[in-house]
Amino acid sequence: MTHSSAPRRLDVLALPRYGRAAPSSRYRFMQFLPLLGEQGIEVEISPLLGDWYMASLLAERRPDLARLGGAYLHRIELLLRRRRPDLIWIEKELLPWLPWCIERALLGGRVPVLLDLDDAQYHRYDQHGSSLVRRFLGDKIDRGMAAARLVTCGSPTIAERAALAAGPRAVNLPTAIDLARYPAEPVPRAGEPDEFVLGWIGTPGNTQYLAALDEPLRRFAAEARLRIVVIGGKPGILPGLPVEYRAWSESSEIAALQDIDAGIMPLPDRPWERGKCGLKLLQYMASWKPAIASPVGVNAVLVDEGVTGFLAEGNDAWLAALRRLRAEPALCRAMGVAGRNRVEAEYSLARMAPRLAGLIREAAGA
């Protein structure tokens, strides 16, 4: 008779780029920590750039250079002085804009590395306008992927690039949604019933993508009572249209998404955008809302055309999708339910956490 034993406890040093205020670090790292702890994986987390950095970006201020330098020194000291963990779990890279040879020396090759990429970070360097950046940093992320024990990728596009560097050690791991934070059933939208309310959630730097919808939104606003809720975006986009800007906060974002009829995610078809993970689409779907998105990268995977929303390419297609959702409230509701079911089945935190725990143990050689 055999007896199963509990898996040994693991000591993991997690090095995300940001604090909780940044979506990538919050969704790819921090939301998993309690569930990983329950599975015997103890994680010490040390962001490179705390919430002060995101506060500077949101306020459109240049981050303090002295504070940036201190953040880099703290990370270097942590790696030099801390006792060896079972695994080092890195978001994107250890030290942005410094060459790979420095990171390789700090890591030393003695502790296995799990590298997580939720953006096409390699394109920050290999498509940079400076020939010096391309020369000295162009292959940095690829070399980091090649040196990692395992690479988790937020989208199939990133996984394809990672496979070139890391081979079978590249794994597609979509971003997860903690459905415990979202309403368990559809919430009727507040406000005027004859309005049609579109929503967009994101960071100030990504608000630029909304400009591509200027023409279809103006045409739609000429024939319908439209309101556009922009959560976390930079004011000033879509001038002359009825845009309501709401500041983002972790405590209010879910409630804000209940005040829309449909969510939107326009993107240009460019290398950086093809690597995006579609987080906002998953948030719309978790909120029981249909989505309209450009058919770029993972968007074409997340949006089931005609079932959970619409994939729209070009002004006429966007206008047609808007018109149909407004004209058919029952379809709007049905798509919201289908999207929520899709998140529950494939992208929930409860489903993704055990998979991540298994990958961490695999990377640690446990």
Protein backbone atom coordinates (compact mmCIF):
# COMPACT_ATOMS: atom_id res chain seq x y z
CA MET A 1 0.00 0.00 0.00
CA THR A 2 1.41 3.37 -1.01
CA HIS A 3 0.94 6.59 0.88
CA SER A 4 0.82 9.94 -0.89
CA SER A 5 2.77 12.71 0.76
CA ALA A 6 2.09 16.42 0.59
CA PRO A 7 4.32 18.24 -1.89
CA ARG A 8 7.30 19.91 -0.29
CA ARG A 9 7.04 23.59 0.46
CA LEU A 10 8.73 25.90 -2.00
CA ASP A 11 10.48 29.19 -1.33
CA VAL A 12 9.91 31.51 -4.30
CA LEU A 13 11.34 34.99 -4.78
CA ALA A 14 8.93 36.95 -7.00
CA LEU A 15 10.28 40.01 -8.78
CA PRO A 16 7.43 41.81 -10.54
CA ARG A 17 8.10 45.11 -12.23
CA TYR A 18 5.42 47.14 -10.40
CA GLY A 19 3.22 47.24 -7.33
CA ARG A 20 -0.52 46.52 -7.16
CA ALA A 21 -1.47 49.71 -9.02
CA ALA A 22 -0.14 48.25 -12.28
CA PRO A 23 -2.41 45.70 -14.00
CA SER A 24 0.40 43.43 -15.20
CA SER A 25 1.92 42.86 -11.76
CA ARG A 26 -1.44 42.67 -10.01
CA TYR A 27 -3.00 40.14 -12.37
CA ARG A 28 0.06 38.07 -13.28
CA PHE A 29 1.59 37.89 -9.79
CA MET A 30 -0.10 39.36 -6.75
CA GLN A 31 -3.60 37.99 -7.11
CA PHE A 32 -2.18 34.45 -7.05
CA LEU A 33 -0.23 34.71 -3.79
CA PRO A 34 -2.95 33.56 -1.33
CA LEU A 35 -3.87 30.54 -3.47
CA LEU A 36 -0.23 29.61 -4.02
CA GLY A 37 0.33 29.78 -0.27
CA GLU A 38 -2.49 27.28 0.22
CA GLN A 39 -0.63 24.91 -2.08
CA GLY A 40 2.64 25.11 -0.19
CA ILE A 41 4.33 27.74 -2.31
CA GLU A 42 5.61 30.57 -0.14
CA VAL A 43 6.27 33.69 -2.19
CA GLU A 44 8.36 36.66 -1.10
CA ILE A 45 7.38 39.48 -3.44
CA SER A 46 9.61 42.46 -4.18
CA PRO A 47 8.46 44.87 -6.91
CA LEU A 48 11.12 46.87 -8.70
CA LEU A 49 8.93 49.98 -8.93
CA GLY A 50 6.34 50.58 -6.23
CA ASP A 51 3.00 52.32 -6.57
CA TRP A 52 4.81 55.67 -6.45
CA TYR A 53 5.95 54.99 -10.01
CA MET A 54 2.44 54.37 -11.33
CA ALA A 55 1.22 57.46 -9.45
CA SER A 56 3.79 59.50 -11.37
CA LEU A 57 2.66 58.06 -14.68
CA LEU A 58 -1.02 58.65 -13.89
CA ALA A 59 -0.24 62.25 -12.99
CA GLU A 60 1.88 62.58 -16.15
CA ARG A 61 4.97 63.44 -14.12
CA ARG A 62 8.45 62.20 -14.85
CA PRO A 63 9.41 59.62 -12.22
CA ASP A 64 12.05 60.84 -9.79
CA LEU A 65 15.45 59.72 -11.10
CA ALA A 66 16.97 59.37 -7.65
CA ARG A 67 14.12 57.16 -6.58
CA LEU A 68 14.49 55.10 -9.75
CA GLY A 69 18.18 54.63 -9.04
CA GLY A 70 17.39 53.57 -5.49
CA ALA A 71 14.89 51.02 -6.79
CA TYR A 72 17.51 49.47 -9.07
CA LEU A 73 20.06 49.34 -6.23
CA HIS A 74 17.54 47.71 -3.91
CA ARG A 75 16.86 44.96 -6.45
CA ILE A 76 20.56 44.33 -6.99
CA GLU A 77 21.21 44.18 -3.24
CA LEU A 78 18.28 41.80 -2.77
CA LEU A 79 19.70 39.37 -5.29
CA LEU A 80 23.20 39.59 -3.86
CA ARG A 81 22.28 39.27 -0.17
CA ARG A 82 19.18 37.08 0.03
CA ARG A 83 19.61 33.38 0.70
CA ARG A 84 18.99 31.21 -2.33
CA PRO A 85 15.31 30.48 -3.00
CA ASP A 86 13.98 27.41 -4.81
CA LEU A 87 12.89 29.60 -7.72
CA ILE A 88 13.13 33.18 -8.95
CA TRP A 89 9.93 34.37 -10.64
CA ILE A 90 10.50 37.42 -12.83
CA GLU A 91 8.12 39.74 -14.64
CA LYS A 92 9.54 40.73 -18.05
CA GLU A 93 13.17 41.36 -16.97
CA LEU A 94 15.17 42.14 -13.87
CA LEU A 95 16.48 45.61 -14.76
CA PRO A 96 14.82 47.42 -17.69
CA TRP A 97 17.14 49.17 -20.13
CA LEU A 98 20.27 47.48 -18.77
CA PRO A 99 22.01 44.82 -20.85
CA TRP A 100 21.47 41.11 -20.41
CA CYS A 101 25.04 40.49 -19.22
CA ILE A 102 24.25 42.34 -15.97
CA GLU A 103 21.12 40.29 -15.33
CA ARG A 104 22.95 37.06 -16.17
CA ALA A 105 25.68 37.93 -13.65
CA LEU A 106 23.14 38.70 -10.93
CA LEU A 107 21.18 35.50 -11.52
CA GLY A 108 24.34 33.43 -11.64
CA GLY A 109 22.63 30.37 -13.08
CA ARG A 110 22.40 28.65 -9.71
CA VAL A 111 18.67 29.18 -9.09
CA PRO A 112 16.06 28.24 -11.72
CA VAL A 113 14.11 31.12 -13.21
CA LEU A 114 10.45 31.34 -14.20
CA LEU A 115 10.05 34.29 -16.57
CA ASP A 116 6.61 35.79 -17.20
CA LEU A 117 5.77 37.97 -20.19
CA ASP A 118 2.38 39.61 -20.60
CA ASP A 119 3.55 42.11 -23.23
CA ALA A 120 5.71 41.85 -26.33
CA GLN A 121 8.53 43.35 -24.27
CA TYR A 122 11.13 42.28 -26.82
CA HIS A 123 9.69 44.86 -29.23
CA ARG A 124 10.55 47.67 -26.79
CA TYR A 125 14.12 46.97 -27.79
CA ASP A 126 14.29 45.27 -31.18
CA GLN A 127 11.99 47.84 -32.79
CA HIS A 128 13.32 50.88 -30.95
CA GLY A 129 14.08 53.99 -32.99
CA SER A 130 17.68 54.10 -31.75
CA SER A 131 20.17 51.87 -33.52
CA LEU A 132 22.22 51.72 -30.30
CA VAL A 133 19.26 50.36 -28.35
CA ARG A 134 18.58 47.80 -31.07
CA ARG A 135 22.25 46.79 -31.13
CA PHE A 136 22.85 46.44 -27.40
CA LEU A 137 19.37 45.43 -26.16
CA GLY A 138 17.63 44.03 -29.23
CA ASP A 139 18.05 40.39 -28.18
CA LYS A 140 17.94 40.95 -24.41
CA ILE A 141 14.49 39.47 -23.79
CA ASP A 142 15.19 36.52 -26.09
CA ARG A 143 18.36 35.74 -24.15
CA GLY A 144 16.44 35.97 -20.90
CA MET A 145 13.85 33.54 -22.24
CA ALA A 146 16.55 31.15 -23.43
CA ALA A 147 18.14 31.15 -19.95
CA ALA A 148 14.87 30.61 -18.05
CA ARG A 149 13.75 27.18 -16.87
CA LEU A 150 10.22 28.06 -18.00
CA VAL A 151 8.58 31.01 -19.75
CA THR A 152 4.90 31.78 -19.15
CA CYS A 153 3.30 33.89 -21.86
CA GLY A 154 0.13 35.95 -21.63
CA SER A 155 -0.88 35.50 -25.28
CA PRO A 156 -0.29 33.05 -28.16
CA THR A 157 1.70 35.71 -30.02
CA ILE A 158 4.18 36.02 -27.16
CA ALA A 159 4.30 32.23 -26.83
CA GLU A 160 5.28 31.95 -30.51
CA ARG A 161 8.21 34.32 -29.98
CA ALA A 162 9.19 32.58 -26.74
CA ALA A 163 9.18 29.20 -28.47
CA LEU A 164 11.91 30.44 -30.82
CA ALA A 165 14.13 31.21 -27.82
CA ALA A 166 13.02 28.69 -25.21
CA GLY A 167 11.49 25.88 -27.27
CA PRO A 168 9.10 23.62 -25.32
CA ARG A 169 9.84 25.60 -22.15
CA ALA A 170 7.46 28.32 -23.43
CA VAL A 171 3.91 27.95 -22.11
CA ASN A 172 0.81 29.98 -22.95
CA LEU A 173 -0.75 31.09 -19.65
CA PRO A 174 -3.64 33.54 -20.16
CA THR A 175 -4.36 36.27 -17.64
CA ALA A 176 -6.80 35.13 -14.96
CA ILE A 177 -9.84 36.90 -13.54
CA ASP A 178 -10.85 36.65 -9.89
CA LEU A 179 -14.58 36.16 -10.31
CA ALA A 180 -15.13 36.52 -6.56
CA ARG A 181 -14.69 40.27 -7.13
CA TYR A 182 -17.37 40.43 -9.82
CA PRO A 183 -21.16 40.22 -9.46
CA ALA A 184 -22.52 36.68 -9.46
CA GLU A 185 -25.38 37.71 -11.77
CA PRO A 186 -26.00 40.54 -14.23
CA VAL A 187 -26.48 43.96 -12.64
CA PRO A 188 -28.94 46.32 -14.38
CA ARG A 189 -27.16 49.42 -15.59
CA ALA A 190 -27.96 52.61 -13.73
CA GLY A 191 -28.86 55.79 -15.60
CA GLU A 192 -31.21 56.71 -18.42
CA PRO A 193 -32.73 53.65 -20.13
CA ASP A 194 -32.63 55.22 -23.60
CA GLU A 195 -28.88 55.83 -23.41
CA PHE A 196 -26.39 53.42 -24.90
CA VAL A 197 -23.26 53.37 -22.73
CA LEU A 198 -19.93 52.17 -24.02
CA GLY A 199 -17.05 51.45 -21.67
CA TRP A 200 -13.27 51.32 -21.94
CA ILE A 201 -10.86 50.51 -19.14
CA GLY A 202 -7.10 50.87 -19.26
CA THR A 203 -4.08 53.04 -18.53
CA PRO A 204 -3.45 56.63 -19.67
CA GLY A 205 -0.86 55.55 -22.20
CA ASN A 206 -3.33 53.27 -23.96
CA THR A 207 -6.11 55.86 -24.26
CA GLN A 208 -4.61 56.75 -27.64
CA TYR A 209 -6.24 53.67 -29.17
CA LEU A 210 -9.68 55.21 -28.77
CA ALA A 211 -8.84 57.89 -31.34
CA ALA A 212 -9.25 55.27 -34.08
CA LEU A 213 -12.99 55.16 -33.28
CA ASP A 214 -13.57 58.87 -33.72
CA GLU A 215 -15.50 58.55 -36.98
CA PRO A 216 -17.78 55.59 -36.17
CA LEU A 217 -18.55 56.98 -32.72
CA ARG A 218 -19.50 60.37 -34.17
CA ARG A 219 -21.74 58.71 -36.72
CA PHE A 220 -23.33 56.59 -34.00
CA ALA A 221 -23.76 59.58 -31.66
CA ALA A 222 -25.65 61.40 -34.45
CA GLU A 223 -28.37 58.74 -34.43
CA ALA A 224 -28.40 57.51 -30.82
CA ARG A 225 -28.07 58.82 -27.30
CA LEU A 226 -24.52 57.78 -26.57
CA ARG A 227 -22.33 58.01 -23.48
CA ILE A 228 -18.73 56.77 -23.34
CA VAL A 229 -17.26 55.85 -19.94
CA VAL A 230 -13.44 55.88 -19.93
CA ILE A 231 -11.99 54.28 -16.79
CA GLY A 232 -8.37 55.08 -16.05
CA GLY A 233 -7.78 56.88 -19.33
CA LYS A 234 -6.17 60.17 -20.14
CA PRO A 235 -8.71 63.01 -20.58
CA GLY A 236 -8.91 64.79 -23.89
CA ILE A 237 -9.50 61.90 -26.25
CA LEU A 238 -12.51 62.02 -28.61
CA PRO A 239 -13.17 65.78 -28.23
CA GLY A 240 -16.78 66.82 -28.77
CA LEU A 241 -18.18 63.39 -27.93
CA PRO A 242 -20.03 62.63 -24.67
CA VAL A 243 -17.09 61.10 -22.79
CA GLU A 244 -17.16 60.60 -19.02
CA TYR A 245 -13.73 60.08 -17.46
CA ARG A 246 -13.45 58.10 -14.26
CA ALA A 247 -10.28 57.67 -12.26
CA TRP A 248 -9.19 54.08 -11.90
CA SER A 249 -8.91 52.40 -8.52
CA GLU A 250 -8.81 48.74 -7.64
CA SER A 251 -11.74 49.22 -5.27
CA SER A 252 -14.02 50.94 -7.80
CA GLU A 253 -13.19 49.39 -11.18
CA ILE A 254 -15.73 46.54 -10.92
CA ALA A 255 -18.58 48.85 -9.95
CA ALA A 256 -17.68 51.19 -12.82
CA LEU A 257 -17.96 48.34 -15.31
CA GLN A 258 -21.53 47.69 -14.21
CA ASP A 259 -22.50 51.12 -15.56
CA ILE A 260 -21.94 50.22 -19.22
CA ASP A 261 -23.87 48.30 -21.87
CA ALA A 262 -20.84 47.05 -23.80
CA GLY A 263 -17.06 47.23 -23.61
CA ILE A 264 -14.70 48.17 -26.43
CA MET A 265 -11.07 47.37 -27.28
CA PRO A 266 -9.81 49.00 -30.48
CA LEU A 267 -6.24 48.18 -31.48
CA PRO A 268 -4.05 48.82 -34.52
CA ASP A 269 -2.59 45.75 -36.17
CA ARG A 270 1.05 46.28 -35.17
CA PRO A 271 3.67 43.99 -33.57
CA TRP A 272 3.39 45.42 -30.03
CA GLU A 273 -0.41 45.30 -30.02
CA ARG A 274 -0.50 41.73 -31.35
CA GLY A 275 1.15 40.63 -28.11
CA LYS A 276 -1.46 42.15 -25.78
CA CYS A 277 -3.30 39.81 -23.42
CA GLY A 278 -6.85 41.16 -23.78
CA LEU A 279 -7.33 41.86 -20.06
CA LYS A 280 -10.02 44.47 -20.62
CA LEU A 281 -12.01 42.01 -22.73
CA LEU A 282 -11.91 39.49 -19.91
CA GLN A 283 -13.05 42.18 -17.48
CA TYR A 284 -16.02 43.08 -19.69
CA MET A 285 -16.96 39.43 -20.03
CA ALA A 286 -16.63 38.82 -16.28
CA SER A 287 -18.97 41.80 -15.79
CA TRP A 288 -21.66 40.18 -17.99
CA LYS A 289 -21.06 42.67 -20.82
CA PRO A 290 -20.60 42.02 -24.55
CA ALA A 291 -17.41 43.25 -26.18
CA ILE A 292 -16.49 44.84 -29.48
CA ALA A 293 -12.83 44.52 -30.39
CA SER A 294 -10.39 44.83 -33.24
CA PRO A 295 -9.44 41.39 -34.59
CA VAL A 296 -5.80 41.81 -33.48
CA GLY A 297 -3.77 39.21 -31.61
CA VAL A 298 -5.54 37.45 -28.75
CA ASN A 299 -8.70 39.53 -29.28
CA ALA A 300 -9.68 37.13 -32.04
CA VAL A 301 -9.36 34.26 -29.55
CA LEU A 302 -11.24 35.88 -26.66
CA VAL A 303 -14.18 37.28 -28.63
CA ASP A 304 -16.36 34.55 -30.07
CA GLU A 305 -17.89 36.39 -33.04
CA GLY A 306 -21.63 36.78 -32.68
CA VAL A 307 -21.64 34.88 -29.36
CA THR A 308 -19.73 36.94 -26.78
CA GLY A 309 -19.39 40.06 -28.92
CA PHE A 310 -18.18 41.31 -32.26
CA LEU A 311 -14.82 41.59 -33.99
CA ALA A 312 -14.84 44.84 -35.97
CA GLU A 313 -12.32 45.93 -38.56
CA GLY A 314 -12.88 49.34 -40.13
CA ASN A 315 -15.30 52.16 -39.40
CA ASP A 316 -18.32 50.55 -41.04
CA ALA A 317 -17.89 47.32 -39.09
CA TRP A 318 -17.61 49.20 -35.80
CA LEU A 319 -20.73 51.22 -36.60
CA ALA A 320 -22.65 48.08 -37.57
CA ALA A 321 -21.72 46.37 -34.30
CA LEU A 322 -22.76 49.39 -32.24
CA ARG A 323 -26.07 49.66 -34.06
CA ARG A 324 -26.88 46.01 -33.59
CA LEU A 325 -26.15 45.95 -29.86
CA ARG A 326 -28.25 49.05 -29.34
CA ALA A 327 -31.14 47.75 -31.44
CA GLU A 328 -31.17 44.29 -29.82
CA PRO A 329 -31.03 44.50 -26.01
CA ALA A 330 -31.79 40.78 -25.75
CA LEU A 331 -28.73 40.00 -27.86
CA CYS A 332 -26.67 42.32 -25.66
CA ARG A 333 -27.74 40.40 -22.56
CA ALA A 334 -27.22 36.99 -24.17
CA MET A 335 -23.70 37.90 -25.25
CA GLY A 336 -22.96 39.09 -21.72
CA VAL A 337 -24.05 35.75 -20.29
CA ALA A 338 -22.01 33.84 -22.88
CA GLY A 339 -18.94 35.91 -22.10
CA ARG A 340 -19.28 35.36 -18.38
CA ASN A 341 -19.65 31.62 -18.93
CA ARG A 342 -16.49 31.65 -21.06
CA VAL A 343 -14.49 33.35 -18.32
CA GLU A 344 -15.79 30.90 -15.71
CA ALA A 345 -14.85 27.94 -17.88
CA GLU A 346 -11.45 29.05 -19.13
CA TYR A 347 -10.03 32.18 -17.49
CA SER A 348 -11.02 32.23 -13.82
CA LEU A 349 -8.46 32.57 -11.06
CA ALA A 350 -9.81 29.43 -9.42
CA ARG A 351 -9.01 27.41 -12.55
CA MET A 352 -5.72 29.12 -13.39
CA ALA A 353 -4.09 29.07 -9.93
CA PRO A 354 -3.60 25.28 -9.76
CA ARG A 355 -2.09 25.35 -13.24
CA LEU A 356 0.33 28.10 -12.25
CA ALA A 357 1.25 26.22 -9.08
CA GLY A 358 2.09 23.19 -11.19
CA LEU A 359 4.25 25.27 -13.51
CA ILE A 360 6.09 26.82 -10.56
CA ARG A 361 6.83 23.37 -9.17
CA GLU A 362 7.93 22.17 -12.59
CA ALA A 363 10.24 25.15 -13.03
CA ALA A 364 11.69 24.66 -9.53
CA GLY A 365 12.40 21.02 -10.32
CA ALA A 366 10.03 19.91 -7.58
